[in-house]
Amino acid sequence: MVSRDVSSDPCNDCGYCMPCPNGVDIATNMRLWRVMRREGVTAALRSEYADLRAMVPQWRPGFSRAAGDSPAGTHAGACRDCGECEARCPEGVRVIRRLQDLAAALSG
C-alpha cells in the first residue's frame, strides 16, 4: 500500500469546477485521484475508472450527433485541457494535471 498523505489537499469538493463543457465528471475523477495518491493503483480503482470510461455524458455544450460528434466520456482521459475548471476553482487546484495523472495511470 502506498499511503501518501492527502490531508493537505486543497480540493474541498465544493463543485465549483463543474460542469465540464466536455462532460468529464471532475468531482468523481478528483476523488479517484485522491484514492490513487493514498492507496496506489488497485484493482478496485481500475474497476471504478473503467466504469467512468463506459459512461457517456448526458450533455455538453456544442455536442451534436448530427455533426458527427461522439461523446468523449466522463473519465479523466476525456479532458480537453480547456481550463474552465481551473478558472472556476477558488482553491487554485491544478485540476487538468490531476486528470492527466489519473488518466495516465489508469488508461489502457
N, C-alpha and C. Protein backbone atom coordinates (compact mmCIF):
# COMPACT_ATOMS: atom_id res chain seq x y z
N MET A 1 0.84 -1.19 0.00
CA MET A 1 0.00 0.00 0.00
C MET A 1 0.88 1.25 0.00
N VAL A 2 0.48 2.26 -0.74
CA VAL A 2 1.27 3.46 -0.91
C VAL A 2 1.12 4.41 0.27
N SER A 3 -0.08 4.69 0.69
CA SER A 3 -0.40 5.52 1.85
C SER A 3 0.31 6.87 1.85
N ARG A 4 0.05 7.67 0.85
CA ARG A 4 0.56 9.04 0.82
C ARG A 4 -0.44 9.95 1.51
N ASP A 5 0.09 10.95 2.20
CA ASP A 5 -0.78 11.88 2.91
C ASP A 5 -1.48 12.81 1.92
N VAL A 6 -2.80 12.81 1.95
CA VAL A 6 -3.56 13.72 1.11
C VAL A 6 -4.35 14.72 1.97
N SER A 7 -4.00 14.80 3.25
CA SER A 7 -4.74 15.68 4.16
C SER A 7 -4.53 17.16 3.82
N SER A 8 -3.43 17.49 3.14
CA SER A 8 -3.19 18.88 2.78
C SER A 8 -3.74 19.23 1.40
N ASP A 9 -4.52 18.33 0.82
CA ASP A 9 -5.11 18.56 -0.50
C ASP A 9 -6.03 19.77 -0.43
N PRO A 10 -5.80 20.78 -1.28
CA PRO A 10 -6.66 21.97 -1.24
C PRO A 10 -8.07 21.75 -1.78
N CYS A 11 -8.30 20.66 -2.51
CA CYS A 11 -9.64 20.40 -3.05
C CYS A 11 -10.58 20.03 -1.90
N ASN A 12 -11.67 20.78 -1.78
CA ASN A 12 -12.62 20.51 -0.70
C ASN A 12 -13.96 20.03 -1.24
N ASP A 13 -13.98 19.55 -2.48
CA ASP A 13 -15.20 19.01 -3.11
C ASP A 13 -16.33 20.03 -3.17
N CYS A 14 -15.99 21.28 -3.41
CA CYS A 14 -17.02 22.32 -3.46
C CYS A 14 -17.87 22.23 -4.72
N GLY A 15 -17.30 21.67 -5.79
CA GLY A 15 -18.05 21.51 -7.03
C GLY A 15 -18.03 22.70 -7.96
N TYR A 16 -17.31 23.75 -7.61
CA TYR A 16 -17.25 24.93 -8.48
C TYR A 16 -16.61 24.61 -9.83
N CYS A 17 -15.81 23.56 -9.90
CA CYS A 17 -15.16 23.17 -11.14
C CYS A 17 -16.14 22.59 -12.16
N MET A 18 -17.30 22.22 -11.70
CA MET A 18 -18.32 21.60 -12.56
C MET A 18 -19.32 22.66 -13.04
N PRO A 19 -19.99 22.46 -14.14
CA PRO A 19 -19.88 21.31 -15.03
C PRO A 19 -18.75 21.49 -16.02
N CYS A 20 -18.21 20.39 -16.48
CA CYS A 20 -17.18 20.40 -17.51
C CYS A 20 -17.87 20.50 -18.87
N PRO A 21 -17.41 21.40 -19.74
CA PRO A 21 -18.03 21.53 -21.05
C PRO A 21 -17.84 20.29 -21.93
N ASN A 22 -16.91 19.41 -21.54
CA ASN A 22 -16.69 18.18 -22.30
C ASN A 22 -17.32 16.97 -21.65
N GLY A 23 -18.03 17.18 -20.55
CA GLY A 23 -18.74 16.09 -19.90
C GLY A 23 -17.95 15.30 -18.89
N VAL A 24 -16.72 15.70 -18.60
CA VAL A 24 -15.90 14.97 -17.62
C VAL A 24 -16.52 15.12 -16.23
N ASP A 25 -16.67 14.02 -15.52
CA ASP A 25 -17.15 14.05 -14.14
C ASP A 25 -15.95 14.38 -13.26
N ILE A 26 -15.67 15.68 -13.14
CA ILE A 26 -14.47 16.13 -12.44
C ILE A 26 -14.49 15.70 -10.98
N ALA A 27 -15.61 15.84 -10.31
CA ALA A 27 -15.68 15.51 -8.88
C ALA A 27 -15.32 14.05 -8.63
N THR A 28 -15.87 13.14 -9.41
CA THR A 28 -15.56 11.72 -9.22
C THR A 28 -14.11 11.44 -9.57
N ASN A 29 -13.62 12.02 -10.64
CA ASN A 29 -12.23 11.82 -11.02
C ASN A 29 -11.27 12.37 -9.97
N MET A 30 -11.61 13.49 -9.36
CA MET A 30 -10.76 14.05 -8.31
C MET A 30 -10.75 13.12 -7.09
N ARG A 31 -11.89 12.54 -6.78
CA ARG A 31 -11.95 11.58 -5.67
C ARG A 31 -11.07 10.37 -5.99
N LEU A 32 -11.15 9.88 -7.23
CA LEU A 32 -10.32 8.74 -7.62
C LEU A 32 -8.83 9.10 -7.57
N TRP A 33 -8.49 10.34 -7.93
CA TRP A 33 -7.10 10.79 -7.85
C TRP A 33 -6.61 10.72 -6.41
N ARG A 34 -7.46 11.17 -5.47
CA ARG A 34 -7.06 11.13 -4.05
C ARG A 34 -6.89 9.68 -3.58
N VAL A 35 -7.77 8.79 -4.01
CA VAL A 35 -7.64 7.37 -3.66
C VAL A 35 -6.33 6.83 -4.23
N MET A 36 -6.03 7.17 -5.47
CA MET A 36 -4.79 6.71 -6.10
C MET A 36 -3.57 7.22 -5.33
N ARG A 37 -3.59 8.47 -4.91
CA ARG A 37 -2.47 9.04 -4.15
C ARG A 37 -2.32 8.36 -2.79
N ARG A 38 -3.45 8.01 -2.19
CA ARG A 38 -3.43 7.42 -0.86
C ARG A 38 -3.09 5.93 -0.89
N GLU A 39 -3.67 5.20 -1.86
CA GLU A 39 -3.57 3.74 -1.84
C GLU A 39 -2.80 3.15 -3.02
N GLY A 40 -2.47 3.98 -4.01
CA GLY A 40 -1.84 3.45 -5.21
C GLY A 40 -2.91 2.94 -6.18
N VAL A 41 -2.46 2.36 -7.26
CA VAL A 41 -3.39 1.84 -8.26
C VAL A 41 -3.79 0.43 -7.84
N THR A 42 -5.06 0.28 -7.51
CA THR A 42 -5.59 -1.00 -7.06
C THR A 42 -6.59 -1.54 -8.08
N ALA A 43 -6.95 -2.79 -7.93
CA ALA A 43 -7.95 -3.39 -8.82
C ALA A 43 -9.29 -2.67 -8.69
N ALA A 44 -9.64 -2.30 -7.47
CA ALA A 44 -10.91 -1.60 -7.25
C ALA A 44 -10.91 -0.23 -7.94
N LEU A 45 -9.77 0.47 -7.88
CA LEU A 45 -9.66 1.77 -8.53
C LEU A 45 -9.75 1.61 -10.05
N ARG A 46 -9.06 0.62 -10.59
CA ARG A 46 -9.14 0.36 -12.03
C ARG A 46 -10.57 0.06 -12.46
N SER A 47 -11.28 -0.70 -11.65
CA SER A 47 -12.66 -1.06 -11.96
C SER A 47 -13.57 0.17 -11.97
N GLU A 48 -13.42 1.02 -10.97
CA GLU A 48 -14.26 2.22 -10.91
C GLU A 48 -13.95 3.17 -12.07
N TYR A 49 -12.68 3.27 -12.42
CA TYR A 49 -12.31 4.12 -13.55
C TYR A 49 -12.85 3.54 -14.86
N ALA A 50 -12.82 2.23 -14.99
CA ALA A 50 -13.39 1.58 -16.18
C ALA A 50 -14.87 1.89 -16.30
N ASP A 51 -15.57 1.94 -15.17
CA ASP A 51 -16.99 2.31 -15.19
C ASP A 51 -17.17 3.73 -15.73
N LEU A 52 -16.29 4.65 -15.32
CA LEU A 52 -16.36 6.03 -15.83
C LEU A 52 -16.09 6.06 -17.33
N ARG A 53 -15.16 5.25 -17.78
CA ARG A 53 -14.85 5.21 -19.22
C ARG A 53 -16.04 4.74 -20.03
N ALA A 54 -16.88 3.92 -19.43
CA ALA A 54 -18.05 3.38 -20.14
C ALA A 54 -19.23 4.35 -20.13
N MET A 55 -19.21 5.34 -19.26
CA MET A 55 -20.32 6.28 -19.16
C MET A 55 -20.24 7.34 -20.25
N VAL A 56 -21.39 7.74 -20.71
CA VAL A 56 -21.49 8.78 -21.73
C VAL A 56 -22.11 10.00 -21.08
N PRO A 57 -21.50 11.17 -21.24
CA PRO A 57 -22.10 12.37 -20.64
C PRO A 57 -23.48 12.62 -21.23
N GLN A 58 -24.36 13.10 -20.41
CA GLN A 58 -25.72 13.37 -20.84
C GLN A 58 -25.81 14.60 -21.74
N TRP A 59 -24.91 15.54 -21.51
CA TRP A 59 -24.97 16.80 -22.24
C TRP A 59 -23.64 17.51 -22.15
N ARG A 60 -23.28 18.20 -23.20
CA ARG A 60 -22.15 19.13 -23.16
C ARG A 60 -22.39 20.18 -24.23
N PRO A 61 -21.99 21.41 -24.01
CA PRO A 61 -22.22 22.46 -24.99
C PRO A 61 -21.58 22.11 -26.33
N GLY A 62 -22.29 22.36 -27.39
CA GLY A 62 -21.77 22.14 -28.72
C GLY A 62 -21.83 20.71 -29.21
N PHE A 63 -22.31 19.80 -28.37
CA PHE A 63 -22.40 18.40 -28.77
C PHE A 63 -23.52 18.22 -29.77
N SER A 64 -23.20 17.56 -30.86
CA SER A 64 -24.22 17.35 -31.89
C SER A 64 -23.94 16.04 -32.61
N ARG A 65 -24.81 15.05 -32.41
CA ARG A 65 -24.66 13.79 -33.15
C ARG A 65 -24.81 14.05 -34.64
N ALA A 66 -25.65 15.01 -35.01
CA ALA A 66 -25.85 15.32 -36.42
C ALA A 66 -24.55 15.80 -37.07
N ALA A 67 -23.69 16.46 -36.28
CA ALA A 67 -22.42 16.96 -36.81
C ALA A 67 -21.34 15.88 -36.76
N GLY A 68 -21.71 14.69 -36.29
CA GLY A 68 -20.75 13.59 -36.24
C GLY A 68 -19.95 13.52 -34.95
N ASP A 69 -20.34 14.32 -33.95
CA ASP A 69 -19.63 14.27 -32.66
C ASP A 69 -19.88 12.92 -32.00
N SER A 70 -18.89 12.48 -31.28
CA SER A 70 -19.12 11.32 -30.44
C SER A 70 -18.76 11.73 -29.02
N PRO A 71 -19.58 11.36 -28.05
CA PRO A 71 -19.31 11.80 -26.68
C PRO A 71 -17.98 11.27 -26.18
N ALA A 72 -17.23 12.13 -25.52
CA ALA A 72 -15.88 11.79 -25.08
C ALA A 72 -15.90 10.87 -23.87
N GLY A 73 -16.88 10.98 -23.02
CA GLY A 73 -16.94 10.18 -21.81
C GLY A 73 -16.75 11.03 -20.57
N THR A 74 -16.97 10.40 -19.43
CA THR A 74 -16.89 11.13 -18.17
C THR A 74 -15.56 10.90 -17.45
N HIS A 75 -14.69 10.09 -18.02
CA HIS A 75 -13.41 9.75 -17.39
C HIS A 75 -12.38 10.86 -17.60
N ALA A 76 -11.31 10.81 -16.83
CA ALA A 76 -10.28 11.85 -16.86
C ALA A 76 -9.63 12.00 -18.23
N GLY A 77 -9.52 10.92 -18.96
CA GLY A 77 -8.90 10.96 -20.27
C GLY A 77 -9.69 11.75 -21.30
N ALA A 78 -10.94 12.07 -20.98
CA ALA A 78 -11.78 12.85 -21.90
C ALA A 78 -11.54 14.35 -21.75
N CYS A 79 -10.70 14.75 -20.79
CA CYS A 79 -10.38 16.16 -20.59
C CYS A 79 -9.71 16.72 -21.84
N ARG A 80 -10.15 17.90 -22.27
CA ARG A 80 -9.58 18.55 -23.45
C ARG A 80 -8.75 19.78 -23.09
N ASP A 81 -8.36 19.88 -21.82
CA ASP A 81 -7.47 20.95 -21.34
C ASP A 81 -8.00 22.35 -21.61
N CYS A 82 -9.30 22.53 -21.55
CA CYS A 82 -9.86 23.86 -21.85
C CYS A 82 -9.57 24.85 -20.73
N GLY A 83 -9.42 24.36 -19.48
CA GLY A 83 -9.07 25.22 -18.36
C GLY A 83 -10.24 25.85 -17.63
N GLU A 84 -11.47 25.60 -18.08
CA GLU A 84 -12.61 26.21 -17.40
C GLU A 84 -12.70 25.80 -15.94
N CYS A 85 -12.40 24.55 -15.64
CA CYS A 85 -12.47 24.06 -14.26
C CYS A 85 -11.46 24.79 -13.37
N GLU A 86 -10.25 24.96 -13.89
CA GLU A 86 -9.22 25.63 -13.09
C GLU A 86 -9.53 27.10 -12.89
N ALA A 87 -10.13 27.73 -13.88
CA ALA A 87 -10.51 29.14 -13.75
C ALA A 87 -11.58 29.33 -12.68
N ARG A 88 -12.43 28.34 -12.49
CA ARG A 88 -13.52 28.43 -11.50
C ARG A 88 -13.12 27.96 -10.11
N CYS A 89 -11.98 27.28 -9.98
CA CYS A 89 -11.60 26.70 -8.69
C CYS A 89 -11.10 27.78 -7.73
N PRO A 90 -11.81 27.98 -6.60
CA PRO A 90 -11.39 29.01 -5.64
C PRO A 90 -10.12 28.63 -4.88
N GLU A 91 -9.74 27.36 -4.91
CA GLU A 91 -8.55 26.90 -4.18
C GLU A 91 -7.31 26.81 -5.06
N GLY A 92 -7.46 27.07 -6.36
CA GLY A 92 -6.32 27.02 -7.27
C GLY A 92 -5.79 25.62 -7.55
N VAL A 93 -6.66 24.62 -7.45
CA VAL A 93 -6.24 23.24 -7.70
C VAL A 93 -5.89 23.08 -9.18
N ARG A 94 -4.79 22.38 -9.43
CA ARG A 94 -4.38 22.10 -10.81
C ARG A 94 -5.16 20.88 -11.31
N VAL A 95 -6.41 21.12 -11.62
CA VAL A 95 -7.33 20.06 -12.00
C VAL A 95 -6.84 19.31 -13.23
N ILE A 96 -6.44 20.03 -14.26
CA ILE A 96 -6.02 19.39 -15.51
C ILE A 96 -4.86 18.43 -15.25
N ARG A 97 -3.89 18.86 -14.49
CA ARG A 97 -2.74 17.99 -14.18
C ARG A 97 -3.17 16.72 -13.46
N ARG A 98 -4.10 16.86 -12.53
CA ARG A 98 -4.57 15.69 -11.80
C ARG A 98 -5.32 14.74 -12.72
N LEU A 99 -6.14 15.30 -13.60
CA LEU A 99 -6.87 14.45 -14.56
C LEU A 99 -5.89 13.74 -15.48
N GLN A 100 -4.86 14.43 -15.92
CA GLN A 100 -3.85 13.82 -16.77
C GLN A 100 -3.11 12.68 -16.04
N ASP A 101 -2.75 12.93 -14.78
CA ASP A 101 -2.06 11.91 -13.99
C ASP A 101 -2.94 10.67 -13.80
N LEU A 102 -4.21 10.89 -13.50
CA LEU A 102 -5.13 9.79 -13.29
C LEU A 102 -5.31 9.00 -14.58
N ALA A 103 -5.52 9.69 -15.68
CA ALA A 103 -5.71 9.02 -16.97
C ALA A 103 -4.46 8.23 -17.34
N ALA A 104 -3.29 8.79 -17.13
CA ALA A 104 -2.04 8.10 -17.46
C ALA A 104 -1.87 6.82 -16.65
N ALA A 105 -2.27 6.88 -15.38
CA ALA A 105 -2.10 5.72 -14.50
C ALA A 105 -3.14 4.63 -14.77
N LEU A 106 -4.33 5.03 -15.22
CA LEU A 106 -5.42 4.05 -15.31
C LEU A 106 -5.91 3.74 -16.72
N SER A 107 -5.46 4.44 -17.71
CA SER A 107 -5.90 4.15 -19.06
C SER A 107 -5.10 2.98 -19.63
N GLY A 108 -5.78 2.21 -20.44
CA GLY A 108 -5.08 1.12 -21.10
C GLY A 108 -5.50 -0.24 -20.67
